[in-house]
Amino acid sequence: MCDVCVMNSVKERMLSRRDFFKKTAAVGAAATLGGMAAAPAAMAAGHGGVVDMTHKLSPDFPTFFGVPGISMEQPFNFAEHGFNLMNLSINEHTATHIDAPLHFSADGNSVDEIPVSDLVIPLCVIHIHAKAAENPDAQVTPDDLKAWIAANGPIPDKACVAMHSGWAAKSGDAAAYVGDSGDGVKHFPGFHIEATQMLLEETTAAAMAVDTLSLDYGPSPDFATHYAWLPNGRYGIENLAGLGNVPATGATLVVGAPNHVGGTGGPARIFAMV
């Protein structure tokens, strides 16, 4: 088919789709309401603003294995074809992304199987940036969780418990972000296994989040937190941004999870309503 024919066909389809959407808007709205999940309690109070919690996805963002996590090829461009289109090749665990239970288990839920009710959830921010500034191997401990609870009350049902270590500010410098000391060992903060076990045993938290490359701290030899958290049906978020711009409690996290069948995770657009 010639390029002009393709462009004309695209224009005709666009016009047809506009007419279709105008005629079916009311029906679509009703269907959407019919399939709507119950809103979490955190939504009831309402919010006055939105904070982006997502790093931009690019080949320059630091990765755990040290190779670009995304490549982009453009087979169609506007000048030649009348429209732009990119082909993407992506490592699921790149930039701000989700770890589905399947990532560290034989038969856990894949990313498309995470319940939508677990993707709009209360956000609890555990601040360890002060100790992380002195020790890159700092971890969220049970004492950090207890201090948060003493100040803010119980961790809400189905919450996301997020570590703010201040590491997001290092994302423009791969060496600093990964924290490789030259011996192949990484150095960045994460969740201590004892804090992970406390969350599993004492809360119904749906998600755990970090502003670093991994739920486990950099020098971890065994990914203990991954192996404890994910097989229990909880999910993780890595490389979260913006945690210094949201309150310790009261925000609602909206996780735009990817929906590819059988996925072990994937890049996500995440924001907090505050």
Protein backbone atom coordinates (compact mmCIF):
# COMPACT_ATOMS: atom_id res chain seq x y z
CA MET A 1 0.00 0.00 0.00
CA CYS A 2 1.36 3.46 -0.88
CA ASP A 3 2.23 6.01 1.84
CA VAL A 4 -0.56 8.39 0.72
CA CYS A 5 -3.07 5.56 0.89
CA VAL A 6 -1.91 4.72 4.40
CA MET A 7 -2.30 8.35 5.54
CA ASN A 8 -5.77 8.64 4.01
CA SER A 9 -6.80 5.37 5.60
CA VAL A 10 -5.57 6.56 9.00
CA LYS A 11 -7.50 9.86 8.67
CA GLU A 12 -10.70 8.06 7.70
CA ARG A 13 -10.38 5.70 10.64
CA MET A 14 -9.79 8.62 13.03
CA LEU A 15 -12.94 10.37 11.84
CA SER A 16 -14.92 7.15 12.09
CA ARG A 17 -13.63 6.54 15.62
CA ARG A 18 -14.63 10.08 16.70
CA ASP A 19 -18.20 9.49 15.54
CA PHE A 20 -18.24 6.12 17.26
CA PHE A 21 -17.05 7.53 20.59
CA LYS A 22 -19.58 10.38 20.50
CA LYS A 23 -22.45 7.96 19.93
CA THR A 24 -21.33 5.44 22.57
CA ALA A 25 -20.05 7.75 25.34
CA ALA A 26 -23.11 7.27 27.54
CA VAL A 27 -23.05 3.50 27.12
CA GLY A 28 -19.31 3.39 27.87
CA ALA A 29 -19.70 5.47 31.01
CA ALA A 30 -22.40 3.15 32.31
CA ALA A 31 -20.27 0.09 31.60
CA THR A 32 -17.29 1.65 33.37
CA LEU A 33 -19.34 2.37 36.46
CA GLY A 34 -20.67 -1.16 36.41
CA GLY A 35 -17.12 -2.60 36.53
CA MET A 36 -15.74 -0.15 39.07
CA ALA A 37 -13.90 -1.49 42.12
CA ALA A 38 -14.73 -0.13 45.55
CA ALA A 39 -12.70 2.98 46.39
CA PRO A 40 -10.32 2.63 49.35
CA ALA A 41 -11.11 4.50 52.56
CA ALA A 42 -8.16 6.83 51.96
CA MET A 43 -10.07 8.38 49.04
CA ALA A 44 -13.01 9.49 51.16
CA ALA A 45 -11.36 12.60 52.60
CA GLY A 46 -10.42 13.95 49.17
CA HIS A 47 -7.13 15.47 48.00
CA GLY A 48 -6.01 18.86 46.80
CA GLY A 49 -3.00 18.08 44.61
CA VAL A 50 -1.02 15.50 42.68
CA VAL A 51 2.68 14.63 42.98
CA ASP A 52 4.50 12.69 40.25
CA MET A 53 6.38 9.75 41.77
CA THR A 54 7.90 8.45 38.53
CA HIS A 55 11.36 8.73 37.00
CA LYS A 56 11.38 9.16 33.24
CA LEU A 57 12.02 5.92 31.37
CA SER A 58 15.11 6.31 29.19
CA PRO A 59 18.26 4.40 28.18
CA ASP A 60 20.21 6.68 30.53
CA PHE A 61 18.47 5.61 33.75
CA PRO A 62 20.74 3.45 35.96
CA THR A 63 19.90 -0.25 36.04
CA PHE A 64 20.75 -3.15 38.34
CA PHE A 65 22.72 -4.98 35.63
CA GLY A 66 24.41 -1.86 34.26
CA VAL A 67 22.97 -2.02 30.74
CA PRO A 68 20.27 0.23 29.24
CA GLY A 69 16.81 -0.96 30.24
CA ILE A 70 15.00 0.36 27.19
CA SER A 71 15.72 0.85 23.50
CA MET A 72 13.51 2.67 21.00
CA GLU A 73 13.24 2.30 17.26
CA GLN A 74 11.06 4.53 15.10
CA PRO A 75 9.81 2.75 11.98
CA PHE A 76 7.25 5.48 11.20
CA ASN A 77 7.68 9.25 11.45
CA PHE A 78 5.33 12.12 10.76
CA ALA A 79 7.37 13.70 7.95
CA GLU A 80 7.38 10.54 5.83
CA HIS A 81 4.28 8.65 6.93
CA GLY A 82 1.88 11.15 8.47
CA PHE A 83 2.13 9.65 11.95
CA ASN A 84 4.75 8.75 14.58
CA LEU A 85 5.20 5.25 16.00
CA MET A 86 7.90 3.69 18.16
CA ASN A 87 8.87 0.06 18.72
CA LEU A 88 10.11 -0.45 22.28
CA SER A 89 12.31 -3.13 23.77
CA ILE A 90 12.11 -2.95 27.58
CA ASN A 91 13.53 -4.84 30.53
CA GLU A 92 10.51 -5.16 32.85
CA HIS A 93 12.55 -3.99 35.85
CA THR A 94 13.65 -0.61 34.56
CA ALA A 95 13.31 2.88 36.07
CA THR A 96 10.17 3.29 38.23
CA HIS A 97 8.61 -0.15 38.05
CA ILE A 98 6.63 -2.87 39.79
CA ASP A 99 7.89 -6.22 41.07
CA ALA A 100 4.97 -8.63 40.77
CA PRO A 101 4.80 -11.68 43.09
CA LEU A 102 5.84 -13.82 40.10
CA HIS A 103 9.21 -12.03 39.97
CA PHE A 104 10.56 -14.05 42.93
CA SER A 105 8.26 -17.07 43.05
CA ALA A 106 7.42 -20.08 40.90
CA ASP A 107 3.68 -19.46 40.65
CA GLY A 108 2.82 -16.05 42.15
CA ASN A 109 0.52 -13.54 40.51
CA SER A 110 1.85 -11.94 37.35
CA VAL A 111 1.61 -8.18 37.01
CA ASP A 112 -1.68 -8.36 35.11
CA GLU A 113 -3.16 -10.39 37.99
CA ILE A 114 -2.54 -7.79 40.72
CA PRO A 115 -6.03 -6.73 41.89
CA VAL A 116 -6.91 -3.22 40.79
CA SER A 117 -8.07 -2.54 44.36
CA ASP A 118 -4.40 -2.95 45.41
CA LEU A 119 -3.24 -0.25 42.98
CA VAL A 120 -5.00 2.76 44.57
CA ILE A 121 -3.86 2.65 48.16
CA PRO A 122 -2.80 4.70 51.21
CA LEU A 123 0.85 5.79 51.18
CA CYS A 124 3.05 5.58 54.30
CA VAL A 125 6.49 7.17 53.99
CA ILE A 126 9.28 5.92 56.27
CA HIS A 127 12.05 8.53 56.36
CA ILE A 128 15.55 7.13 56.72
CA HIS A 129 17.30 9.79 54.61
CA ALA A 130 19.27 11.13 57.57
CA LYS A 131 20.95 7.81 58.36
CA ALA A 132 21.27 6.96 54.66
CA ALA A 133 23.28 10.16 54.16
CA GLU A 134 25.84 8.77 56.61
CA ASN A 135 25.60 5.10 55.64
CA PRO A 136 24.69 4.03 52.08
CA ASP A 137 23.90 0.55 53.41
CA ALA A 138 21.21 1.88 55.78
CA GLN A 139 18.02 -0.18 56.02
CA VAL A 140 14.44 0.26 57.18
CA THR A 141 14.29 -1.62 60.49
CA PRO A 142 11.48 -2.62 62.85
CA ASP A 143 12.45 0.39 65.00
CA ASP A 144 11.80 2.69 62.02
CA LEU A 145 8.37 1.14 61.54
CA LYS A 146 7.57 1.42 65.25
CA ALA A 147 8.61 5.09 65.25
CA TRP A 148 6.33 5.76 62.27
CA ILE A 149 3.41 4.03 63.99
CA ALA A 150 4.01 5.95 67.22
CA ALA A 151 3.89 9.23 65.30
CA ASN A 152 1.13 8.46 62.80
CA GLY A 153 -0.98 5.59 64.09
CA PRO A 154 -1.43 2.08 62.65
CA ILE A 155 -0.40 1.36 59.07
CA PRO A 156 -3.66 1.52 57.07
CA ASP A 157 -5.24 -1.49 55.42
CA LYS A 158 -3.72 -2.35 52.02
CA ALA A 159 -1.16 0.47 52.30
CA CYS A 160 2.06 0.98 50.40
CA VAL A 161 4.93 1.32 52.88
CA ALA A 162 7.64 3.35 51.17
CA MET A 163 11.26 4.00 52.13
CA HIS A 164 12.51 7.55 51.59
CA SER A 165 16.30 7.39 51.64
CA GLY A 166 16.95 10.44 49.47
CA TRP A 167 18.46 8.20 46.80
CA ALA A 168 16.24 9.53 44.01
CA ALA A 169 18.39 12.67 43.87
CA LYS A 170 21.34 10.49 42.75
CA SER A 171 19.57 9.01 39.72
CA GLY A 172 21.39 11.29 37.28
CA ASP A 173 24.73 9.76 38.33
CA ALA A 174 24.77 6.01 37.70
CA ALA A 175 27.89 5.37 39.78
CA ALA A 176 26.44 7.15 42.82
CA TYR A 177 23.00 5.60 42.37
CA VAL A 178 24.31 2.05 42.09
CA GLY A 179 26.98 2.69 44.71
CA ASP A 180 29.55 0.32 43.24
CA SER A 181 32.66 0.62 45.40
CA GLY A 182 34.84 -0.91 42.71
CA ASP A 183 34.65 -4.47 44.01
CA GLY A 184 31.36 -5.27 42.31
CA VAL A 185 29.34 -4.83 45.50
CA LYS A 186 26.46 -2.36 45.31
CA HIS A 187 25.71 0.10 48.11
CA PHE A 188 22.26 1.64 48.52
CA PRO A 189 19.49 1.45 51.15
CA GLY A 190 16.61 -1.04 51.32
CA PHE A 191 14.29 -2.92 53.68
CA HIS A 192 15.80 -5.11 56.39
CA ILE A 193 14.37 -8.62 56.43
CA GLU A 194 13.15 -8.14 60.01
CA ALA A 195 11.14 -5.06 58.99
CA THR A 196 9.75 -7.03 56.06
CA GLN A 197 8.66 -9.84 58.37
CA MET A 198 7.05 -7.32 60.73
CA LEU A 199 5.00 -5.89 57.86
CA LEU A 200 3.98 -9.38 56.76
CA GLU A 201 2.95 -10.50 60.22
CA GLU A 202 1.40 -7.33 61.64
CA THR A 203 -0.09 -5.45 58.67
CA THR A 204 -2.13 -6.01 55.52
CA ALA A 205 0.15 -3.74 53.47
CA ALA A 206 -0.30 -4.50 49.77
CA ALA A 207 2.96 -2.98 48.59
CA MET A 208 6.48 -2.06 49.65
CA ALA A 209 8.34 0.70 47.81
CA VAL A 210 11.90 2.04 47.68
CA ASP A 211 13.62 4.98 46.01
CA THR A 212 16.56 2.72 45.08
CA LEU A 213 17.27 -0.11 42.65
CA SER A 214 16.05 -2.90 44.93
CA LEU A 215 13.76 -3.74 47.83
CA ASP A 216 16.86 -5.35 49.38
CA TYR A 217 19.78 -3.14 50.27
CA GLY A 218 22.74 -3.09 47.88
CA PRO A 219 25.12 -5.57 49.56
CA SER A 220 22.38 -8.19 50.07
CA PRO A 221 23.79 -11.64 49.24
CA ASP A 222 20.45 -13.43 49.12
CA PHE A 223 17.56 -11.04 48.26
CA ALA A 224 15.92 -12.03 51.54
CA THR A 225 13.32 -9.26 51.41
CA HIS A 226 12.31 -10.12 47.84
CA TYR A 227 11.95 -13.81 48.72
CA ALA A 228 9.90 -13.03 51.84
CA TRP A 229 7.64 -10.30 50.45
CA LEU A 230 6.73 -11.26 46.90
CA PRO A 231 5.78 -14.95 47.38
CA ASN A 232 3.30 -13.80 50.03
CA GLY A 233 1.19 -12.13 47.33
CA ARG A 234 2.43 -8.61 48.01
CA TYR A 235 4.07 -6.49 45.30
CA GLY A 236 7.03 -4.12 45.26
CA ILE A 237 7.84 -0.77 43.69
CA GLU A 238 11.45 0.17 42.92
CA ASN A 239 13.03 3.48 41.88
CA LEU A 240 10.12 5.52 43.21
CA ALA A 241 10.60 9.30 42.96
CA GLY A 242 9.13 12.27 44.82
CA LEU A 243 8.97 10.77 48.31
CA GLY A 244 10.39 13.95 49.78
CA ASN A 245 7.42 15.88 48.37
CA VAL A 246 4.62 13.96 50.06
CA PRO A 247 3.52 13.72 53.71
CA ALA A 248 4.42 10.77 55.92
CA THR A 249 0.75 9.80 55.95
CA GLY A 250 -2.51 10.87 54.31
CA ALA A 251 -1.60 10.62 50.62
CA THR A 252 -3.15 8.10 48.24
CA LEU A 253 -0.81 6.33 45.82
CA VAL A 254 -2.11 5.57 42.32
CA VAL A 255 -0.07 2.85 40.64
CA GLY A 256 -0.45 2.70 36.87
CA ALA A 257 0.64 -0.92 36.58
CA PRO A 258 1.38 -2.48 33.20
CA ASN A 259 -1.05 -5.19 32.15
CA HIS A 260 0.91 -7.60 29.94
CA VAL A 261 -0.09 -11.20 30.44
CA GLY A 262 2.39 -13.23 32.46
CA GLY A 263 4.61 -10.25 33.27
CA THR A 264 6.94 -10.36 36.26
CA GLY A 265 6.59 -6.60 36.64
CA GLY A 266 7.10 -3.58 34.46
CA PRO A 267 7.57 0.18 34.25
CA ALA A 268 4.69 2.07 35.83
CA ARG A 269 3.44 5.66 35.92
CA ILE A 270 2.82 6.37 39.59
CA PHE A 271 1.51 9.48 41.32
CA ALA A 272 0.32 10.48 44.76
CA MET A 273 -2.82 12.45 45.53
CA VAL A 274 -2.16 14.70 48.51
